[in-house]
Amino acid sequence: MLLKIVLVTALLTGGLAVVKDSSILDRTGLVGSCSVVESPSAGNAVWQACRAGRLQGRPNLVRKSCVSKGIVGDVEYWRCRTELGSGPPT
């Protein structure tokens, strides 16, 4: 009985570690994600293209000093003053 509990705990811990890595969730399309795109105009602003995931909508980049520049199809474009870090989108 104890062996079963230890085995289930190990499997759950491994599963949670895999899910915590948000890149897996991004690649499967479960959560929204953003990627850097070419700037439509000259300047030092960084542009992000954000797509919605199946479990949540498009990431909101307002807290990262970005301004939404519109939605085209299923992609929302954001202009940011600086390049965003590699953390998960919010």
N, C-alpha and C. Protein backbone atom coordinates (compact mmCIF):
# COMPACT_ATOMS: atom_id res chain seq x y z
N MET A 1 0.82 -1.19 0.00
CA MET A 1 0.00 0.00 0.00
C MET A 1 0.87 1.26 0.00
N LEU A 2 1.91 1.25 0.82
CA LEU A 2 2.80 2.40 0.90
C LEU A 2 3.52 2.63 -0.43
N LEU A 3 3.86 1.55 -1.10
CA LEU A 3 4.52 1.65 -2.40
C LEU A 3 3.61 2.35 -3.42
N LYS A 4 2.31 2.04 -3.40
CA LYS A 4 1.37 2.69 -4.31
C LYS A 4 1.28 4.19 -4.04
N ILE A 5 1.24 4.57 -2.78
CA ILE A 5 1.17 5.99 -2.41
C ILE A 5 2.43 6.72 -2.87
N VAL A 6 3.56 6.13 -2.65
CA VAL A 6 4.82 6.75 -3.08
C VAL A 6 4.87 6.87 -4.60
N LEU A 7 4.43 5.85 -5.31
CA LEU A 7 4.43 5.87 -6.77
C LEU A 7 3.48 6.95 -7.31
N VAL A 8 2.28 7.04 -6.77
CA VAL A 8 1.32 8.06 -7.22
C VAL A 8 1.85 9.45 -6.91
N THR A 9 2.44 9.63 -5.75
CA THR A 9 3.03 10.93 -5.39
C THR A 9 4.15 11.32 -6.35
N ALA A 10 4.99 10.37 -6.69
CA ALA A 10 6.08 10.65 -7.63
C ALA A 10 5.53 11.01 -9.01
N LEU A 11 4.51 10.30 -9.47
CA LEU A 11 3.91 10.60 -10.77
C LEU A 11 3.26 11.98 -10.77
N LEU A 12 2.55 12.32 -9.71
CA LEU A 12 1.93 13.65 -9.62
C LEU A 12 2.98 14.75 -9.57
N THR A 13 4.03 14.54 -8.82
CA THR A 13 5.11 15.53 -8.74
C THR A 13 5.76 15.73 -10.10
N GLY A 14 6.02 14.65 -10.80
CA GLY A 14 6.60 14.75 -12.15
C GLY A 14 5.67 15.45 -13.11
N GLY A 15 4.38 15.13 -13.04
CA GLY A 15 3.39 15.78 -13.90
C GLY A 15 3.30 17.27 -13.63
N LEU A 16 3.31 17.66 -12.37
CA LEU A 16 3.26 19.08 -12.02
C LEU A 16 4.52 19.81 -12.48
N ALA A 17 5.66 19.16 -12.40
CA ALA A 17 6.91 19.78 -12.87
C ALA A 17 6.86 20.03 -14.37
N VAL A 18 6.29 19.10 -15.12
CA VAL A 18 6.18 19.26 -16.57
C VAL A 18 5.21 20.38 -16.91
N VAL A 19 4.07 20.44 -16.22
CA VAL A 19 3.07 21.47 -16.49
C VAL A 19 3.59 22.85 -16.08
N LYS A 20 4.41 22.91 -15.06
CA LYS A 20 4.94 24.20 -14.61
C LYS A 20 5.78 24.85 -15.70
N ASP A 21 6.42 24.06 -16.51
CA ASP A 21 7.20 24.58 -17.63
C ASP A 21 6.21 25.10 -18.66
N SER A 22 5.98 26.43 -18.67
CA SER A 22 4.92 27.01 -19.49
C SER A 22 5.16 26.85 -20.99
N SER A 23 6.38 26.57 -21.40
CA SER A 23 6.62 26.41 -22.84
C SER A 23 5.86 25.20 -23.38
N ILE A 24 5.67 24.19 -22.57
CA ILE A 24 4.89 23.02 -23.01
C ILE A 24 3.44 23.44 -23.22
N LEU A 25 2.91 24.24 -22.31
CA LEU A 25 1.53 24.71 -22.44
C LEU A 25 1.39 25.64 -23.64
N ASP A 26 2.41 26.46 -23.92
CA ASP A 26 2.39 27.33 -25.09
C ASP A 26 2.37 26.52 -26.38
N ARG A 27 3.25 25.53 -26.46
CA ARG A 27 3.36 24.73 -27.68
C ARG A 27 2.10 23.94 -27.97
N THR A 28 1.40 23.51 -26.94
CA THR A 28 0.17 22.76 -27.16
C THR A 28 -1.01 23.67 -27.43
N GLY A 29 -0.83 24.99 -27.25
CA GLY A 29 -1.90 25.94 -27.53
C GLY A 29 -2.93 26.05 -26.42
N LEU A 30 -2.60 25.59 -25.23
CA LEU A 30 -3.55 25.66 -24.12
C LEU A 30 -3.59 27.05 -23.48
N VAL A 31 -2.47 27.74 -23.44
CA VAL A 31 -2.43 29.09 -22.89
C VAL A 31 -2.01 30.06 -23.99
N GLY A 32 -2.37 31.32 -23.83
CA GLY A 32 -1.99 32.33 -24.81
C GLY A 32 -0.49 32.56 -24.81
N SER A 33 0.04 33.02 -25.94
CA SER A 33 1.47 33.25 -26.03
C SER A 33 1.75 34.44 -26.95
N CYS A 34 2.91 35.02 -26.78
CA CYS A 34 3.34 36.16 -27.59
C CYS A 34 4.70 35.86 -28.21
N SER A 35 4.95 36.49 -29.35
CA SER A 35 6.25 36.37 -29.98
C SER A 35 6.62 37.71 -30.59
N VAL A 36 7.91 37.95 -30.69
CA VAL A 36 8.40 39.21 -31.25
C VAL A 36 8.21 39.18 -32.76
N VAL A 37 7.72 40.29 -33.32
CA VAL A 37 7.55 40.42 -34.76
C VAL A 37 8.29 41.66 -35.24
N GLU A 38 8.49 41.72 -36.53
CA GLU A 38 9.21 42.85 -37.12
C GLU A 38 8.39 44.13 -36.96
N SER A 39 9.07 45.20 -36.61
CA SER A 39 8.43 46.50 -36.42
C SER A 39 7.94 47.06 -37.75
N PRO A 40 6.69 47.54 -37.80
CA PRO A 40 6.18 48.10 -39.05
C PRO A 40 6.77 49.47 -39.39
N SER A 41 7.44 50.10 -38.43
CA SER A 41 8.04 51.41 -38.68
C SER A 41 9.42 51.46 -38.05
N ALA A 42 10.20 52.42 -38.50
CA ALA A 42 11.54 52.58 -37.93
C ALA A 42 11.39 53.06 -36.49
N GLY A 43 12.28 52.66 -35.65
CA GLY A 43 12.24 53.05 -34.25
C GLY A 43 12.80 51.95 -33.38
N ASN A 44 12.86 52.24 -32.09
CA ASN A 44 13.45 51.25 -31.19
C ASN A 44 12.40 50.48 -30.40
N ALA A 45 11.11 50.63 -30.74
CA ALA A 45 10.06 49.89 -30.05
C ALA A 45 10.08 48.42 -30.49
N VAL A 46 9.68 47.56 -29.58
CA VAL A 46 9.60 46.13 -29.85
C VAL A 46 8.12 45.78 -30.02
N TRP A 47 7.80 45.03 -31.04
CA TRP A 47 6.41 44.64 -31.31
C TRP A 47 6.21 43.18 -30.97
N GLN A 48 5.08 42.88 -30.33
CA GLN A 48 4.72 41.52 -29.94
C GLN A 48 3.42 41.14 -30.63
N ALA A 49 3.31 39.92 -31.10
CA ALA A 49 2.08 39.38 -31.66
C ALA A 49 1.60 38.31 -30.69
N CYS A 50 0.39 38.50 -30.12
CA CYS A 50 -0.13 37.59 -29.10
C CYS A 50 -1.33 36.82 -29.62
N ARG A 51 -1.33 35.52 -29.37
CA ARG A 51 -2.43 34.65 -29.78
C ARG A 51 -3.09 34.07 -28.53
N ALA A 52 -4.40 33.87 -28.63
CA ALA A 52 -5.15 33.30 -27.52
C ALA A 52 -4.93 31.79 -27.44
N GLY A 53 -5.04 31.26 -26.23
CA GLY A 53 -4.97 29.82 -26.03
C GLY A 53 -6.36 29.24 -25.88
N ARG A 54 -6.44 27.92 -25.78
CA ARG A 54 -7.75 27.26 -25.62
C ARG A 54 -8.31 27.44 -24.21
N LEU A 55 -7.44 27.55 -23.21
CA LEU A 55 -7.90 27.68 -21.83
C LEU A 55 -8.00 29.12 -21.36
N GLN A 56 -7.30 30.02 -21.99
CA GLN A 56 -7.34 31.43 -21.60
C GLN A 56 -7.18 32.29 -22.83
N GLY A 57 -7.54 33.55 -22.70
CA GLY A 57 -7.47 34.47 -23.83
C GLY A 57 -6.06 34.93 -24.12
N ARG A 58 -5.97 35.96 -24.96
CA ARG A 58 -4.67 36.52 -25.29
C ARG A 58 -4.04 37.16 -24.06
N PRO A 59 -2.71 37.10 -23.94
CA PRO A 59 -2.04 37.76 -22.81
C PRO A 59 -2.24 39.27 -22.86
N ASN A 60 -2.35 39.88 -21.69
CA ASN A 60 -2.49 41.32 -21.57
C ASN A 60 -1.12 41.88 -21.16
N LEU A 61 -0.52 42.70 -22.02
CA LEU A 61 0.83 43.19 -21.79
C LEU A 61 0.86 44.61 -21.24
N VAL A 62 -0.26 45.13 -20.76
CA VAL A 62 -0.32 46.50 -20.25
C VAL A 62 0.64 46.69 -19.08
N ARG A 63 0.73 45.73 -18.20
CA ARG A 63 1.62 45.85 -17.03
C ARG A 63 3.09 45.80 -17.40
N LYS A 64 3.39 45.46 -18.63
CA LYS A 64 4.78 45.39 -19.08
C LYS A 64 5.13 46.60 -19.95
N SER A 65 4.40 47.71 -19.74
CA SER A 65 4.62 48.97 -20.46
C SER A 65 4.42 48.82 -21.96
N CYS A 66 3.41 48.06 -22.35
CA CYS A 66 3.09 47.88 -23.76
C CYS A 66 1.73 48.50 -24.05
N VAL A 67 1.53 48.89 -25.30
CA VAL A 67 0.28 49.49 -25.74
C VAL A 67 -0.30 48.63 -26.87
N SER A 68 -1.57 48.26 -26.73
CA SER A 68 -2.22 47.46 -27.76
C SER A 68 -2.42 48.30 -29.00
N LYS A 69 -2.06 47.76 -30.14
CA LYS A 69 -2.20 48.48 -31.40
C LYS A 69 -3.26 47.87 -32.30
N GLY A 70 -4.03 46.92 -31.79
CA GLY A 70 -5.13 46.38 -32.56
C GLY A 70 -5.07 44.87 -32.73
N ILE A 71 -6.22 44.35 -33.18
CA ILE A 71 -6.36 42.91 -33.40
C ILE A 71 -6.61 42.68 -34.88
N VAL A 72 -5.83 41.79 -35.46
CA VAL A 72 -6.00 41.40 -36.85
C VAL A 72 -6.20 39.89 -36.87
N GLY A 73 -7.40 39.48 -37.24
CA GLY A 73 -7.71 38.05 -37.20
C GLY A 73 -7.72 37.57 -35.77
N ASP A 74 -6.90 36.59 -35.45
CA ASP A 74 -6.82 36.09 -34.08
C ASP A 74 -5.55 36.54 -33.35
N VAL A 75 -4.87 37.54 -33.90
CA VAL A 75 -3.61 38.02 -33.33
C VAL A 75 -3.78 39.47 -32.86
N GLU A 76 -3.33 39.73 -31.62
CA GLU A 76 -3.32 41.10 -31.10
C GLU A 76 -1.88 41.60 -31.12
N TYR A 77 -1.68 42.80 -31.68
CA TYR A 77 -0.34 43.37 -31.78
C TYR A 77 -0.14 44.41 -30.68
N TRP A 78 1.04 44.33 -30.05
CA TRP A 78 1.40 45.23 -28.97
C TRP A 78 2.72 45.92 -29.30
N ARG A 79 2.82 47.20 -28.96
CA ARG A 79 4.09 47.92 -29.09
C ARG A 79 4.63 48.13 -27.69
N CYS A 80 5.86 47.68 -27.46
CA CYS A 80 6.49 47.75 -26.15
C CYS A 80 7.73 48.63 -26.23
N ARG A 81 8.02 49.32 -25.14
CA ARG A 81 9.20 50.19 -25.12
C ARG A 81 10.50 49.39 -25.13
N THR A 82 10.50 48.28 -24.43
CA THR A 82 11.70 47.44 -24.36
C THR A 82 11.31 45.99 -24.60
N GLU A 83 12.29 45.17 -24.88
CA GLU A 83 12.02 43.74 -25.08
C GLU A 83 11.61 43.11 -23.76
N LEU A 84 10.60 42.25 -23.83
CA LEU A 84 10.10 41.61 -22.61
C LEU A 84 11.02 40.50 -22.20
N GLY A 85 10.97 40.16 -20.91
CA GLY A 85 11.78 39.06 -20.38
C GLY A 85 11.25 37.73 -20.89
N SER A 86 11.87 36.66 -20.46
CA SER A 86 11.50 35.33 -20.94
C SER A 86 10.49 34.65 -20.04
N GLY A 87 9.92 35.38 -19.09
CA GLY A 87 8.94 34.77 -18.19
C GLY A 87 7.62 34.52 -18.90
N PRO A 88 6.70 33.89 -18.20
CA PRO A 88 5.41 33.60 -18.81
C PRO A 88 4.59 34.86 -19.05
N PRO A 89 3.81 34.91 -20.09
CA PRO A 89 3.00 36.07 -20.35
C PRO A 89 1.91 36.23 -19.33
N THR A 90 1.52 37.46 -19.10
CA THR A 90 0.46 37.71 -18.12
C THR A 90 -0.69 38.42 -18.75
